[in-house]
Protein backbone atom coordinates (compact mmCIF):
# COMPACT_ATOMS: atom_id res chain seq x y z
CA MET A 1 -68.63 11.98 241.76
CA PRO A 2 -64.83 12.09 241.97
CA LYS A 3 -62.80 9.39 243.64
CA ALA A 4 -61.82 10.08 247.24
CA GLY A 5 -58.68 12.19 247.55
CA ARG A 6 -59.41 14.16 244.37
CA TYR A 7 -61.73 16.83 245.72
CA ARG A 8 -61.39 20.28 244.19
CA ASP A 9 -63.00 23.49 245.39
CA GLY A 10 -66.76 23.25 244.91
CA VAL A 11 -66.98 19.46 244.69
CA PRO A 12 -69.40 17.75 247.11
CA CYS A 13 -67.00 15.98 249.44
CA TRP A 14 -68.86 15.15 252.65
CA VAL A 15 -72.36 14.67 254.05
CA GLU A 16 -73.42 15.23 257.62
CA LEU A 17 -76.52 14.37 259.60
CA GLY A 18 -77.59 16.90 262.23
CA THR A 19 -79.82 15.37 264.86
CA PRO A 20 -81.00 15.98 268.43
CA ASP A 21 -80.82 12.21 269.07
CA LEU A 22 -77.42 10.75 268.14
CA PRO A 23 -78.01 7.28 269.61
CA ARG A 24 -81.20 6.89 267.58
CA ALA A 25 -79.47 7.99 264.38
CA ARG A 26 -76.54 5.65 264.99
CA ARG A 27 -78.91 2.73 265.43
CA PHE A 28 -80.92 3.51 262.29
CA TYR A 29 -78.00 3.98 259.90
CA GLY A 30 -75.98 1.21 261.47
CA ALA A 31 -78.85 -1.19 260.80
CA LEU A 32 -79.56 0.19 257.31
CA PHE A 33 -76.03 0.63 255.95
CA GLY A 34 -73.85 -1.37 258.31
CA TRP A 35 -72.04 1.76 259.46
CA GLU A 36 -69.73 1.72 262.44
CA TYR A 37 -68.78 4.83 264.37
CA VAL A 38 -65.75 6.67 265.66
CA GLY A 39 -66.20 9.32 268.32
CA LEU A 40 -64.22 12.55 267.98
CA PRO A 41 -64.48 15.65 270.20
CA GLY A 42 -68.04 16.90 269.64
CA TYR A 43 -68.49 14.81 266.53
CA THR A 44 -69.21 11.27 265.32
CA VAL A 45 -67.74 9.84 262.12
CA ALA A 46 -69.52 6.97 260.39
CA THR A 47 -67.23 4.39 258.81
CA LEU A 48 -67.71 1.61 256.29
CA ARG A 49 -65.03 -1.06 255.96
CA GLY A 50 -62.72 1.28 257.83
CA ALA A 51 -63.27 4.29 255.53
CA GLN A 52 -64.89 7.53 256.71
CA VAL A 53 -68.19 7.99 254.88
CA ALA A 54 -70.34 10.54 256.77
CA GLY A 55 -70.58 12.69 259.87
CA LEU A 56 -73.17 12.93 262.63
CA VAL A 57 -73.48 15.97 264.86
CA ARG A 58 -75.78 16.70 267.77
CA ARG A 59 -78.32 19.50 267.46
CA PRO A 60 -80.28 21.13 270.28
CA ALA A 61 -83.48 19.36 271.33
CA GLY A 62 -86.43 20.34 269.19
CA GLU A 63 -84.45 21.08 266.02
CA GLU A 64 -85.06 19.05 262.91
CA ARG A 65 -82.97 16.07 261.83
CA SER A 66 -81.56 16.53 258.32
CA TRP A 67 -78.65 15.86 255.98
CA THR A 68 -76.25 18.57 254.80
CA THR A 69 -73.92 18.45 251.79
CA TYR A 70 -70.45 19.96 252.23
CA LEU A 71 -68.44 21.38 249.33
CA ALA A 72 -64.66 21.22 249.39
CA VAL A 73 -62.71 24.48 249.75
CA THR A 74 -59.06 25.31 250.29
CA ASP A 75 -59.79 28.41 252.40
CA VAL A 76 -63.05 28.31 254.35
CA GLY A 77 -62.85 31.95 255.47
CA ARG A 78 -62.34 33.27 251.99
CA ALA A 79 -65.07 30.99 250.60
CA ALA A 80 -67.55 32.25 253.22
CA GLU A 81 -66.84 35.85 252.20
CA GLU A 82 -67.31 34.94 248.54
CA VAL A 83 -70.70 33.46 249.44
CA ARG A 84 -71.69 36.79 250.98
CA THR A 85 -70.39 38.76 248.02
CA ALA A 86 -72.37 36.60 245.60
CA GLY A 87 -75.65 37.20 247.47
CA GLY A 88 -75.70 34.24 249.84
CA ARG A 89 -75.52 34.29 253.61
CA VAL A 90 -73.38 32.72 256.30
CA VAL A 91 -75.51 30.64 258.66
CA ARG A 92 -72.59 29.62 260.86
CA GLU A 93 -69.26 31.42 260.71
CA PRO A 94 -66.10 29.37 260.02
CA PHE A 95 -65.21 27.15 262.95
CA GLU A 96 -62.61 24.50 263.72
CA ARG A 97 -63.45 20.85 264.22
CA PRO A 98 -60.67 19.13 266.20
CA GLU A 99 -58.79 16.49 264.20
CA GLN A 100 -60.78 17.32 261.06
CA GLY A 101 -60.14 20.87 259.87
CA TRP A 102 -62.44 23.83 259.40
CA ALA A 103 -66.01 24.25 258.27
CA ALA A 104 -68.77 26.80 257.81
CA VAL A 105 -72.49 26.56 257.07
CA VAL A 106 -73.89 28.86 254.42
CA ALA A 107 -76.95 29.34 252.21
CA ASP A 108 -77.20 30.31 248.56
CA PRO A 109 -79.56 33.12 247.37
CA THR A 110 -82.39 30.63 246.76
CA GLY A 111 -82.17 29.50 250.40
CA ALA A 112 -80.50 26.11 249.93
CA VAL A 113 -78.22 25.44 252.92
CA PHE A 114 -74.88 23.71 252.42
CA GLY A 115 -71.52 23.44 254.13
CA LEU A 116 -67.96 24.47 253.30
CA ARG A 117 -65.23 22.04 254.31
CA GLN A 118 -61.49 22.68 254.53
CA GLY A 119 -60.00 19.34 255.49
CA LEU A 120 -56.98 18.84 257.70
CA LEU A 121 -55.68 15.31 257.20
CA TRP A 122 -58.53 14.29 254.89
CA GLN A 123 -60.72 16.48 252.71
CA GLY A 124 -63.81 14.37 252.47
CA ALA A 125 -65.33 10.92 252.26
CA GLY A 126 -62.87 8.07 251.93
CA LEU A 127 -65.37 5.84 250.13
CA VAL A 128 -67.92 6.99 247.54
CA ASP A 129 -70.13 5.50 244.82
CA GLU A 130 -70.45 2.17 246.58
CA PRO A 131 -73.39 0.56 248.36
CA SER A 132 -74.04 2.25 251.72
CA ALA A 133 -71.81 5.20 250.82
CA PHE A 134 -72.45 8.74 249.63
CA SER A 135 -73.04 8.74 245.89
CA TRP A 136 -74.45 12.04 244.64
CA SER A 137 -75.62 15.53 245.65
CA GLU A 138 -77.54 18.15 243.74
CA GLN A 139 -79.02 21.56 244.39
CA LEU A 140 -82.73 21.86 243.57
CA SER A 141 -84.74 25.07 243.77
CA PRO A 142 -87.58 26.96 242.08
CA ASP A 143 -85.02 29.49 240.78
CA PRO A 144 -82.28 27.49 239.03
CA ALA A 145 -81.03 30.50 237.04
CA THR A 146 -80.18 32.39 240.24
CA ALA A 147 -78.58 29.27 241.70
CA ARG A 148 -76.40 28.69 238.65
CA THR A 149 -75.22 32.30 238.64
CA PHE A 150 -74.31 32.10 242.32
CA TYR A 151 -72.34 28.85 242.11
CA ARG A 152 -70.53 29.98 238.97
CA GLN A 153 -69.42 33.14 240.76
CA VAL A 154 -68.31 31.40 243.97
CA PHE A 155 -66.91 28.11 242.63
CA GLY A 156 -66.46 28.65 238.91
CA TYR A 157 -68.95 25.94 238.00
CA GLU A 158 -69.40 25.10 234.35
CA TYR A 159 -72.77 23.72 233.27
CA GLY A 160 -73.95 21.14 230.80
CA SER A 161 -76.72 18.64 230.13
CA GLY A 162 -76.94 15.38 232.03
CA ALA A 163 -78.14 12.05 230.68
CA ASP A 164 -81.74 13.04 231.43
CA GLY A 165 -81.49 16.52 229.92
CA GLY A 166 -81.18 18.11 233.36
CA THR A 167 -78.35 20.47 234.26
CA VAL A 168 -75.11 19.22 235.79
CA PHE A 169 -72.15 21.20 237.05
CA ARG A 170 -68.53 20.47 236.25
CA VAL A 171 -65.40 21.22 238.23
CA GLY A 172 -62.11 20.94 236.41
CA GLY A 173 -63.97 19.47 233.44
CA ALA A 174 -65.47 16.57 235.43
CA VAL A 175 -69.13 16.22 236.35
CA ALA A 176 -69.40 16.83 240.09
CA GLY A 177 -73.13 17.18 240.82
CA GLY A 178 -76.51 18.34 239.66
CA ILE A 179 -78.22 21.70 239.75
CA GLY A 180 -81.61 22.71 238.48
CA GLY A 181 -85.31 23.16 239.07
CA GLY A 182 -87.77 20.85 240.71
CA HIS A 183 -87.87 19.69 244.29
CA GLY A 184 -89.94 17.62 246.62
CA ALA A 185 -89.99 13.91 247.33
CA ASP A 186 -91.83 13.13 244.09
CA ALA A 187 -89.32 14.88 241.84
CA ASP A 188 -88.49 12.34 239.15
CA ARG A 189 -85.36 13.18 237.22
CA THR A 190 -82.12 11.34 236.83
CA GLY A 191 -78.66 12.58 237.64
CA PRO A 192 -75.72 12.60 235.24
CA THR A 193 -74.32 9.33 236.53
CA GLY A 194 -77.62 7.79 235.54
CA ARG A 195 -78.81 7.65 239.11
CA ALA A 196 -82.23 8.94 239.88
CA SER A 197 -82.43 12.16 241.79
CA ALA A 198 -84.99 13.21 244.34
CA SER A 199 -84.66 16.13 246.68
CA ALA A 200 -84.42 15.72 250.40
CA SER A 201 -86.76 18.61 251.03
CA GLY A 202 -86.23 19.93 254.51
CA SER A 203 -82.48 19.29 254.46
CA GLY A 204 -80.79 21.54 256.91
CA SER A 205 -77.46 22.78 258.14
CA GLY A 206 -74.97 21.85 260.75
CA SER A 207 -76.40 24.68 262.84
CA GLY A 208 -79.92 23.35 262.78
CA SER A 209 -81.27 25.77 260.16
CA GLY A 210 -83.13 23.98 257.40
CA GLY A 211 -83.15 24.96 253.75
CA THR A 212 -85.51 27.92 253.35
CA ASN A 213 -86.44 29.59 250.12
CA LEU A 214 -85.81 33.25 250.76
CA GLY A 215 -87.66 34.67 247.80
CA ALA A 216 -90.46 32.39 246.63
CA ALA A 217 -93.40 30.49 248.00
CA GLY A 218 -93.53 26.73 247.96
CA PRO A 219 -91.14 23.99 249.09
CA PRO A 220 -87.66 25.09 250.18
CA ALA A 221 -84.59 24.94 247.99
CA VAL A 222 -82.32 22.09 249.05
CA TRP A 223 -79.12 20.21 248.44
CA SER A 224 -80.30 16.60 248.19
CA VAL A 225 -78.16 13.69 249.39
CA HIS A 226 -78.03 10.26 247.75
CA PHE A 227 -76.65 6.96 249.06
CA GLY A 228 -75.82 3.99 246.88
CA THR A 229 -77.34 0.55 247.28
CA ASP A 230 -76.98 -2.79 245.57
CA ASP A 231 -80.73 -3.45 245.96
CA THR A 232 -83.00 -0.41 246.19
CA ASP A 233 -86.17 -2.40 246.86
CA ARG A 234 -84.61 -4.33 249.70
CA ALA A 235 -83.08 -1.16 251.17
CA ALA A 236 -86.40 0.71 250.97
CA GLU A 237 -88.15 -2.13 252.76
CA ARG A 238 -85.44 -2.05 255.41
CA VAL A 239 -86.11 1.67 255.91
CA ARG A 240 -89.74 0.80 256.67
CA GLU A 241 -88.73 -2.00 259.04
CA LEU A 242 -86.54 0.44 260.96
CA GLY A 243 -89.36 2.93 261.43
CA GLY A 244 -88.67 5.18 258.46
CA GLU A 245 -90.88 5.98 255.49
CA VAL A 246 -90.68 5.54 251.74
CA LEU A 247 -91.81 8.80 250.15
CA ALA A 248 -91.56 7.84 246.48
CA GLY A 249 -90.58 4.69 244.61
CA PRO A 250 -88.76 2.50 244.26
CA HIS A 251 -88.98 3.46 240.60
CA PRO A 252 -87.09 1.96 237.67
CA THR A 253 -84.80 4.20 235.66
CA PRO A 254 -82.50 3.33 232.76
CA PHE A 255 -79.61 3.42 235.24
CA GLY A 256 -80.93 1.79 238.39
CA ARG A 257 -83.87 1.86 240.76
CA ARG A 258 -84.36 4.76 243.12
CA ALA A 259 -86.45 5.63 246.15
CA ALA A 260 -86.89 8.82 248.12
CA VAL A 261 -87.05 7.95 251.81
CA ARG A 262 -87.17 9.44 255.29
CA ASP A 263 -85.37 8.00 258.31
CA ASP A 264 -87.06 7.33 261.64
CA GLY A 265 -86.27 10.85 262.82
CA GLY A 266 -87.51 12.74 259.77
CA ALA A 267 -84.33 13.28 257.71
CA GLU A 268 -84.89 12.70 253.99
CA PHE A 269 -82.44 11.19 251.52
CA THR A 270 -82.43 9.12 248.34
CA LEU A 271 -81.50 5.48 247.80
CA ILE A 272 -80.12 4.74 244.35
CA GLY A 273 -79.12 1.44 242.82
CA LEU A 274 -75.52 1.31 241.61
CA PRO A 275 -74.54 -0.60 238.48
CA SER A 276 -71.24 -1.70 240.05
CA ALA A 277 -68.85 -0.85 242.83
CA GLU A 278 -66.86 1.35 240.47
CA ALA A 279 -67.42 5.13 240.24
CA THR A 280 -69.25 5.68 236.94
CA VAL A 281 -69.46 9.45 236.62
CA ALA A 282 -70.20 10.41 233.03
CA ALA A 283 -68.34 13.46 231.82
C-alpha cells in the first residue's frame, strides 16, 4: 500500500476496531503488537514507535467486535452521496471526530461495510507495511463483478491481475488493494504485494453493523484487514496465548507466511509475514 502521507481518494488509509470492551482490546493488541495508546475525545488511537497506526472506538454492549477499513476521501459528504448513487447505502451519516477530521460508515451493494475518512491534520496511518502495522486491505464477496462496478463508479478504480492471478485495484496507477471473490477464514489467495490474503468475515462498521451480504446467501461480504509481522508463526502462537484463536494457517506462500486469526473478543484479521521493513507494493 502507499507510503503514509500519500493517500489518494479510494486508498485504504486507516483501520479501526469497534468493540464494547476497550480495556480488553487495548490489553490484547498491546501485548500482541506492542501498541501504546493516546486518548482523544470519544476515541483511542493506537501508536507504534510514536506513529498513529489504528483506531479503537467503543460500541454499545452486546455488539460485535470487528475491524473496519477506511478509504481516504477529500469530501466525506460528497463521497457518501456517491455511494448512494452507485447503489450502496450509508450506515452512519458523515460525522466529525474532534482533532481528527470527518468520517462516515457505508456499505457497498454486496453488503461489505467500510469507512470514509477525510483527515484533518493527518489523513491516515503514519506507519504502514511494517511489523505490527496495517499492511493490506481487500474487499471479498460472492459478487465481485458488482463490487468492481461500484468501486469504479465511486472511486475510479482501475483493475488488474495480482501476483496470484487475483484482481487488484489501482489508484493513480499504483496498486492500492485487492478486490474479488472468495471469503471466509480458509480463503487461500495471495495479495498483489505477495502477502497472503484471508477475509476477516464478520468485519463490521464503526456503528456496530457488521458486513452483511444484501443479495446472496452464504458468508457476508467483507473488507479484510491485514497486519504485518516479522514472524507469523510466533505471532499466531501469541494470539493463542492471549486468548485468541488461529482460524487458518500459518501457511507458507511464495511471499511470506500467513495466518487468519481471531482476537480474544471475536474480531478477525490476518497476520502476514513481511519480507522487509520497506513497503514492497508491486505495481
